Amino acid sequence: MIGNKPKHQVDTWNKRIEVGVTEIEYRPHPAGAKKKYLTSTPAYLLNGHSPVVELQGKAGTVDITCCKVWKTKPHEL
């Protein structure tokens, strides 16, 4: 995905992903079903080493390396 250092992954994610606007495809493992969510938080380091984000409609955090940017919704004027 984005670099190999967790802090770099978080920084890169937060530059690209707008909270509540960018649609994210989450698949916890390769054989898992794809589901789409909106982010509810910026990415952050959990316990100082795991790059995670919270998704609307999903309890808990998910590893950002299991997420893929699907599309960005257009801003409403």
PDB file of N, CA and C in Angstrom:
ATOM      1  N   MET A   1       0.839  -1.191   0.000  1.00  0.00           N
ATOM      2  CA  MET A   1       0.000   0.000   0.000  1.00  0.00           C
ATOM      3  C   MET A   1       0.878   1.247   0.000  1.00  0.00           C
ATOM      4  N   ILE A   2       0.857   2.034   1.061  1.00  0.00           N
ATOM      5  CA  ILE A   2       1.541   3.314   1.122  1.00  0.00           C
ATOM      6  C   ILE A   2       2.740   3.200   2.058  1.00  0.00           C
ATOM      7  N   GLY A   3       3.912   3.009   1.496  1.00  0.00           N
ATOM      8  CA  GLY A   3       5.096   2.928   2.335  1.00  0.00           C
ATOM      9  C   GLY A   3       5.073   1.726   3.267  1.00  0.00           C
ATOM     10  N   ASN A   4       6.075   1.629   4.110  1.00  0.00           N
ATOM     11  CA  ASN A   4       6.112   0.497   5.015  1.00  0.00           C
ATOM     12  C   ASN A   4       6.215   0.906   6.474  1.00  0.00           C
ATOM     13  N   LYS A   5       6.289   2.184   6.747  1.00  0.00           N
ATOM     14  CA  LYS A   5       6.351   2.639   8.126  1.00  0.00           C
ATOM     15  C   LYS A   5       4.981   3.157   8.525  1.00  0.00           C
ATOM     16  N   PRO A   6       4.461   2.671   9.667  1.00  0.00           N
ATOM     17  CA  PRO A   6       3.110   3.056  10.085  1.00  0.00           C
ATOM     18  C   PRO A   6       2.847   4.554  10.114  1.00  0.00           C
ATOM     19  N   LYS A   7       3.787   5.352  10.637  1.00  0.00           N
ATOM     20  CA  LYS A   7       3.576   6.811  10.697  1.00  0.00           C
ATOM     21  C   LYS A   7       3.463   7.393   9.290  1.00  0.00           C
ATOM     22  N   HIS A   8       4.300   6.926   8.374  1.00  0.00           N
ATOM     23  CA  HIS A   8       4.239   7.377   6.979  1.00  0.00           C
ATOM     24  C   HIS A   8       2.905   6.973   6.350  1.00  0.00           C
ATOM     25  N   GLN A   9       2.431   5.764   6.636  1.00  0.00           N
ATOM     26  CA  GLN A   9       1.152   5.297   6.104  1.00  0.00           C
ATOM     27  C   GLN A   9       0.018   6.211   6.571  1.00  0.00           C
ATOM     28  N   VAL A  10       0.022   6.550   7.853  1.00  0.00           N
ATOM     29  CA  VAL A  10      -1.021   7.421   8.419  1.00  0.00           C
ATOM     30  C   VAL A  10      -0.963   8.807   7.783  1.00  0.00           C
ATOM     31  N   ASP A  11       0.231   9.378   7.685  1.00  0.00           N
ATOM     32  CA  ASP A  11       0.370  10.717   7.104  1.00  0.00           C
ATOM     33  C   ASP A  11      -0.092  10.742   5.647  1.00  0.00           C
ATOM     34  N   THR A  12       0.305   9.744   4.881  1.00  0.00           N
ATOM     35  CA  THR A  12      -0.082   9.672   3.471  1.00  0.00           C
ATOM     36  C   THR A  12      -1.587   9.497   3.335  1.00  0.00           C
ATOM     37  N   TRP A  13      -2.167   8.621   4.141  1.00  0.00           N
ATOM     38  CA  TRP A  13      -3.620   8.388   4.127  1.00  0.00           C
ATOM     39  C   TRP A  13      -4.359   9.698   4.396  1.00  0.00           C
ATOM     40  N   ASN A  14      -3.951  10.408   5.434  1.00  0.00           N
ATOM     41  CA  ASN A  14      -4.653  11.626   5.828  1.00  0.00           C
ATOM     42  C   ASN A  14      -4.515  12.748   4.809  1.00  0.00           C
ATOM     43  N   LYS A  15      -3.480  12.730   3.991  1.00  0.00           N
ATOM     44  CA  LYS A  15      -3.353  13.709   2.916  1.00  0.00           C
ATOM     45  C   LYS A  15      -4.304  13.387   1.767  1.00  0.00           C
ATOM     46  N   ARG A  16      -4.619  12.116   1.564  1.00  0.00           N
ATOM     47  CA  ARG A  16      -5.429  11.669   0.428  1.00  0.00           C
ATOM     48  C   ARG A  16      -6.923  11.513   0.746  1.00  0.00           C
ATOM     49  N   ILE A  17      -7.253  11.193   1.978  1.00  0.00           N
ATOM     50  CA  ILE A  17      -8.615  10.802   2.333  1.00  0.00           C
ATOM     51  C   ILE A  17      -9.301  11.908   3.122  1.00  0.00           C
ATOM     52  N   GLU A  18     -10.467  12.321   2.652  1.00  0.00           N
ATOM     53  CA  GLU A  18     -11.247  13.333   3.363  1.00  0.00           C
ATOM     54  C   GLU A  18     -12.301  12.621   4.214  1.00  0.00           C
ATOM     55  N   VAL A  19     -12.269  12.861   5.508  1.00  0.00           N
ATOM     56  CA  VAL A  19     -13.166  12.195   6.453  1.00  0.00           C
ATOM     57  C   VAL A  19     -14.622  12.450   6.082  1.00  0.00           C
ATOM     58  N   GLY A  20     -15.410  11.378   6.009  1.00  0.00           N
ATOM     59  CA  GLY A  20     -16.833  11.477   5.729  1.00  0.00           C
ATOM     60  C   GLY A  20     -17.182  11.742   4.285  1.00  0.00           C
ATOM     61  N   VAL A  21     -16.192  11.847   3.411  1.00  0.00           N
ATOM     62  CA  VAL A  21     -16.444  12.170   2.014  1.00  0.00           C
ATOM     63  C   VAL A  21     -15.930  11.062   1.094  1.00  0.00           C
ATOM     64  N   THR A  22     -14.742  10.570   1.367  1.00  0.00           N
ATOM     65  CA  THR A  22     -14.129   9.563   0.505  1.00  0.00           C
ATOM     66  C   THR A  22     -14.695   8.181   0.831  1.00  0.00           C
ATOM     67  N   GLU A  23     -15.163   7.490  -0.197  1.00  0.00           N
ATOM     68  CA  GLU A  23     -15.710   6.150   0.003  1.00  0.00           C
ATOM     69  C   GLU A  23     -14.559   5.135   0.008  1.00  0.00           C
ATOM     70  N   ILE A  24     -14.567   4.272   1.019  1.00  0.00           N
ATOM     71  CA  ILE A  24     -13.503   3.300   1.230  1.00  0.00           C
ATOM     72  C   ILE A  24     -14.064   1.894   1.052  1.00  0.00           C
ATOM     73  N   GLU A  25     -13.312   1.065   0.345  1.00  0.00           N
ATOM     74  CA  GLU A  25     -13.657  -0.346   0.223  1.00  0.00           C
ATOM     75  C   GLU A  25     -12.844  -1.080   1.282  1.00  0.00           C
ATOM     76  N   TYR A  26     -13.529  -1.824   2.147  1.00  0.00           N
ATOM     77  CA  TYR A  26     -12.848  -2.546   3.216  1.00  0.00           C
ATOM     78  C   TYR A  26     -13.008  -4.041   2.982  1.00  0.00           C
ATOM     79  N   ARG A  27     -11.886  -4.731   2.973  1.00  0.00           N
ATOM     80  CA  ARG A  27     -11.889  -6.188   2.837  1.00  0.00           C
ATOM     81  C   ARG A  27     -10.860  -6.711   3.840  1.00  0.00           C
ATOM     82  N   PRO A  28     -11.301  -7.345   4.932  1.00  0.00           N
ATOM     83  CA  PRO A  28     -10.371  -7.758   5.976  1.00  0.00           C
ATOM     84  C   PRO A  28      -9.384  -8.846   5.558  1.00  0.00           C
ATOM     85  N   HIS A  29      -9.740  -9.633   4.573  1.00  0.00           N
ATOM     86  CA  HIS A  29      -8.828 -10.659   4.058  1.00  0.00           C
ATOM     87  C   HIS A  29      -9.173 -10.916   2.599  1.00  0.00           C
ATOM     88  N   PRO A  30      -8.231 -11.452   1.798  1.00  0.00           N
ATOM     89  CA  PRO A  30      -8.443 -11.585   0.352  1.00  0.00           C
ATOM     90  C   PRO A  30      -9.729 -12.308  -0.062  1.00  0.00           C
ATOM     91  N   ALA A  31     -10.160 -13.289   0.701  1.00  0.00           N
ATOM     92  CA  ALA A  31     -11.369 -14.031   0.330  1.00  0.00           C
ATOM     93  C   ALA A  31     -12.644 -13.375   0.882  1.00  0.00           C
ATOM     94  N   GLY A  32     -12.483 -12.320   1.668  1.00  0.00           N
ATOM     95  CA  GLY A  32     -13.637 -11.664   2.285  1.00  0.00           C
ATOM     96  C   GLY A  32     -14.439 -10.840   1.295  1.00  0.00           C
ATOM     97  N   ALA A  33     -15.692 -10.612   1.663  1.00  0.00           N
ATOM     98  CA  ALA A  33     -16.566  -9.786   0.826  1.00  0.00           C
ATOM     99  C   ALA A  33     -16.148  -8.323   0.934  1.00  0.00           C
ATOM    100  N   LYS A  34     -16.213  -7.619  -0.191  1.00  0.00           N
ATOM    101  CA  LYS A  34     -15.903  -6.190  -0.219  1.00  0.00           C
ATOM    102  C   LYS A  34     -17.119  -5.421   0.292  1.00  0.00           C
ATOM    103  N   LYS A  35     -16.883  -4.457   1.148  1.00  0.00           N
ATOM    104  CA  LYS A  35     -17.944  -3.572   1.614  1.00  0.00           C
ATOM    105  C   LYS A  35     -17.422  -2.155   1.525  1.00  0.00           C
ATOM    106  N   LYS A  36     -18.329  -1.221   1.274  1.00  0.00           N
ATOM    107  CA  LYS A  36     -17.936   0.179   1.141  1.00  0.00           C
ATOM    108  C   LYS A  36     -18.442   0.982   2.345  1.00  0.00           C
ATOM    109  N   TYR A  37     -17.590   1.865   2.809  1.00  0.00           N
ATOM    110  CA  TYR A  37     -17.882   2.692   3.974  1.00  0.00           C
ATOM    111  C   TYR A  37     -17.355   4.107   3.736  1.00  0.00           C
ATOM    112  N   LEU A  38     -17.814   5.035   4.568  1.00  0.00           N
ATOM    113  CA  LEU A  38     -17.208   6.360   4.662  1.00  0.00           C
ATOM    114  C   LEU A  38     -16.389   6.379   5.942  1.00  0.00           C
ATOM    115  N   THR A  39     -15.298   7.117   5.931  1.00  0.00           N
ATOM    116  CA  THR A  39     -14.503   7.235   7.147  1.00  0.00           C
ATOM    117  C   THR A  39     -15.226   8.120   8.155  1.00  0.00           C
ATOM    118  N   SER A  40     -14.993   7.824   9.434  1.00  0.00           N
ATOM    119  CA  SER A  40     -15.560   8.697  10.466  1.00  0.00           C
ATOM    120  C   SER A  40     -14.462   9.380  11.279  1.00  0.00           C
ATOM    121  N   THR A  41     -13.208   9.004  11.027  1.00  0.00           N
ATOM    122  CA  THR A  41     -12.066   9.652  11.678  1.00  0.00           C
ATOM    123  C   THR A  41     -10.913   9.716  10.686  1.00  0.00           C
ATOM    124  N   PRO A  42      -9.953  10.586  10.947  1.00  0.00           N
ATOM    125  CA  PRO A  42      -8.707  10.493  10.186  1.00  0.00           C
ATOM    126  C   PRO A  42      -7.983   9.219  10.639  1.00  0.00           C
ATOM    127  N   ALA A  43      -7.005   8.768   9.866  1.00  0.00           N
ATOM    128  CA  ALA A  43      -6.196   7.623  10.275  1.00  0.00           C
ATOM    129  C   ALA A  43      -5.315   8.049  11.456  1.00  0.00           C
ATOM    130  N   TYR A  44      -4.975   7.083  12.293  1.00  0.00           N
ATOM    131  CA  TYR A  44      -4.091   7.343  13.429  1.00  0.00           C
ATOM    132  C   TYR A  44      -3.380   6.059  13.819  1.00  0.00           C
ATOM    133  N   LEU A  45      -2.354   6.193  14.654  1.00  0.00           N
ATOM    134  CA  LEU A  45      -1.624   5.023  15.127  1.00  0.00           C
ATOM    135  C   LEU A  45      -2.281   4.507  16.397  1.00  0.00           C
ATOM    136  N   LEU A  46      -2.707   3.271  16.383  1.00  0.00           N
ATOM    137  CA  LEU A  46      -3.289   2.623  17.553  1.00  0.00           C
ATOM    138  C   LEU A  46      -2.144   1.973  18.323  1.00  0.00           C
ATOM    139  N   ASN A  47      -2.042   2.277  19.582  1.00  0.00           N
ATOM    140  CA  ASN A  47      -0.961   1.768  20.435  1.00  0.00           C
ATOM    141  C   ASN A  47       0.418   2.100  19.884  1.00  0.00           C
ATOM    142  N   GLY A  48       0.506   3.171  19.096  1.00  0.00           N
ATOM    143  CA  GLY A  48       1.783   3.645  18.605  1.00  0.00           C
ATOM    144  C   GLY A  48       2.395   2.868  17.455  1.00  0.00           C
ATOM    145  N   HIS A  49       1.679   1.853  16.935  1.00  0.00           N
ATOM    146  CA  HIS A  49       2.294   1.053  15.875  1.00  0.00           C
ATOM    147  C   HIS A  49       1.347   0.529  14.803  1.00  0.00           C
ATOM    148  N   SER A  50       0.051   0.578  15.018  1.00  0.00           N
ATOM    149  CA  SER A  50      -0.901   0.036  14.038  1.00  0.00           C
ATOM    150  C   SER A  50      -1.657   1.166  13.353  1.00  0.00           C
ATOM    151  N   PRO A  51      -1.506   1.333  12.029  1.00  0.00           N
ATOM    152  CA  PRO A  51      -2.215   2.403  11.316  1.00  0.00           C
ATOM    153  C   PRO A  51      -3.678   2.011  11.100  1.00  0.00           C
ATOM    154  N   VAL A  52      -4.581   2.722  11.747  1.00  0.00           N
ATOM    155  CA  VAL A  52      -6.003   2.373  11.700  1.00  0.00           C
ATOM    156  C   VAL A  52      -6.862   3.582  11.377  1.00  0.00           C
ATOM    157  N   VAL A  53      -8.120   3.286  11.060  1.00  0.00           N
ATOM    158  CA  VAL A  53      -9.129   4.307  10.816  1.00  0.00           C
ATOM    159  C   VAL A  53     -10.454   3.741  11.310  1.00  0.00           C
ATOM    160  N   GLU A  54     -11.393   4.618  11.622  1.00  0.00           N
ATOM    161  CA  GLU A  54     -12.740   4.190  11.992  1.00  0.00           C
ATOM    162  C   GLU A  54     -13.659   4.476  10.815  1.00  0.00           C
ATOM    163  N   LEU A  55     -14.583   3.549  10.560  1.00  0.00           N
ATOM    164  CA  LEU A  55     -15.501   3.656   9.427  1.00  0.00           C
ATOM    165  C   LEU A  55     -16.932   3.776   9.922  1.00  0.00           C
ATOM    166  N   GLN A  56     -17.731   4.606   9.238  1.00  0.00           N
ATOM    167  CA  GLN A  56     -19.137   4.785   9.611  1.00  0.00           C
ATOM    168  C   GLN A  56     -19.881   3.458   9.422  1.00  0.00           C
ATOM    169  N   GLY A  57     -20.624   3.038  10.453  1.00  0.00           N
ATOM    170  CA  GLY A  57     -21.408   1.812  10.364  1.00  0.00           C
ATOM    171  C   GLY A  57     -20.624   0.555  10.719  1.00  0.00           C
ATOM    172  N   LYS A  58     -19.374   0.711  11.137  1.00  0.00           N
ATOM    173  CA  LYS A  58     -18.542  -0.434  11.506  1.00  0.00           C
ATOM    174  C   LYS A  58     -17.984  -0.164  12.892  1.00  0.00           C
ATOM    175  N   ALA A  59     -18.171  -1.114  13.792  1.00  0.00           N
ATOM    176  CA  ALA A  59     -17.663  -0.955  15.154  1.00  0.00           C
ATOM    177  C   ALA A  59     -16.154  -1.167  15.187  1.00  0.00           C
ATOM    178  N   GLY A  60     -15.469  -0.394  15.997  1.00  0.00           N
ATOM    179  CA  GLY A  60     -14.041  -0.553  16.174  1.00  0.00           C
ATOM    180  C   GLY A  60     -13.230   0.101  15.077  1.00  0.00           C
ATOM    181  N   THR A  61     -11.960  -0.271  15.035  1.00  0.00           N
ATOM    182  CA  THR A  61     -11.047   0.284  14.048  1.00  0.00           C
ATOM    183  C   THR A  61     -10.694  -0.769  13.011  1.00  0.00           C
ATOM    184  N   VAL A  62     -10.216  -0.323  11.865  1.00  0.00           N
ATOM    185  CA  VAL A  62      -9.732  -1.250  10.839  1.00  0.00           C
ATOM    186  C   VAL A  62      -8.354  -0.796  10.387  1.00  0.00           C
ATOM    187  N   ASP A  63      -7.537  -1.756  10.036  1.00  0.00           N
ATOM    188  CA  ASP A  63      -6.189  -1.485   9.553  1.00  0.00           C
ATOM    189  C   ASP A  63      -6.304  -0.833   8.178  1.00  0.00           C
ATOM    190  N   ILE A  64      -5.612   0.282   7.973  1.00  0.00           N
ATOM    191  CA  ILE A  64      -5.741   0.980   6.693  1.00  0.00           C
ATOM    192  C   ILE A  64      -5.144   0.171   5.537  1.00  0.00           C
ATOM    193  N   THR A  65      -4.291  -0.807   5.842  1.00  0.00           N
ATOM    194  CA  THR A  65      -3.743  -1.630   4.766  1.00  0.00           C
ATOM    195  C   THR A  65      -4.785  -2.602   4.221  1.00  0.00           C
ATOM    196  N   CYS A  66      -5.928  -2.724   4.898  1.00  0.00           N
ATOM    197  CA  CYS A  66      -7.030  -3.558   4.419  1.00  0.00           C
ATOM    198  C   CYS A  66      -8.080  -2.715   3.687  1.00  0.00           C
ATOM    199  N   CYS A  67      -7.793  -1.446   3.492  1.00  0.00           N
ATOM    200  CA  CYS A  67      -8.729  -0.513   2.854  1.00  0.00           C
ATOM    201  C   CYS A  67      -8.199  -0.051   1.503  1.00  0.00           C
ATOM    202  N   LYS A  68      -9.142   0.280   0.647  1.00  0.00           N
ATOM    203  CA  LYS A  68      -8.802   0.805  -0.672  1.00  0.00           C
ATOM    204  C   LYS A  68      -9.733   1.977  -0.955  1.00  0.00           C
ATOM    205  N   VAL A  69      -9.189   3.040  -1.516  1.00  0.00           N
ATOM    206  CA  VAL A  69     -10.020   4.191  -1.864  1.00  0.00           C
ATOM    207  C   VAL A  69     -10.913   3.781  -3.023  1.00  0.00           C
ATOM    208  N   TRP A  70     -12.212   3.961  -2.850  1.00  0.00           N
ATOM    209  CA  TRP A  70     -13.152   3.600  -3.906  1.00  0.00           C
ATOM    210  C   TRP A  70     -13.435   4.810  -4.764  1.00  0.00           C
ATOM    211  N   LYS A  71     -14.000   5.848  -4.170  1.00  0.00           N
ATOM    212  CA  LYS A  71     -14.243   7.085  -4.899  1.00  0.00           C
ATOM    213  C   LYS A  71     -14.520   8.207  -3.911  1.00  0.00           C
ATOM    214  N   THR A  72     -14.363   9.399  -4.383  1.00  0.00           N
ATOM    215  CA  THR A  72     -14.645  10.582  -3.571  1.00  0.00           C
ATOM    216  C   THR A  72     -15.949  11.181  -4.046  1.00  0.00           C
ATOM    217  N   LYS A  73     -16.837  11.441  -3.095  1.00  0.00           N
ATOM    218  CA  LYS A  73     -18.113  12.063  -3.447  1.00  0.00           C
ATOM    219  C   LYS A  73     -17.879  13.530  -3.745  1.00  0.00           C
ATOM    220  N   PRO A  74     -18.572  14.067  -4.732  1.00  0.00           N
ATOM    221  CA  PRO A  74     -18.409  15.490  -5.052  1.00  0.00           C
ATOM    222  C   PRO A  74     -18.922  16.364  -3.919  1.00  0.00           C
ATOM    223  N   HIS A  75     -18.240  17.457  -3.702  1.00  0.00           N
ATOM    224  CA  HIS A  75     -18.678  18.391  -2.663  1.00  0.00           C
ATOM    225  C   HIS A  75     -19.977  19.066  -3.059  1.00  0.00           C
ATOM    226  N   GLU A  76     -20.852  19.249  -2.076  1.00  0.00           N
ATOM    227  CA  GLU A  76     -22.088  19.973  -2.320  1.00  0.00           C
ATOM    228  C   GLU A  76     -21.793  21.465  -2.178  1.00  0.00           C
ATOM    229  N   LEU A  77     -22.323  22.250  -3.056  1.00  0.00           N
ATOM    230  CA  LEU A  77     -22.111  23.695  -2.981  1.00  0.00           C
ATOM    231  C   LEU A  77     -23.204  24.365  -2.201  1.00  0.00           C
TER     232      LEU A  77
END
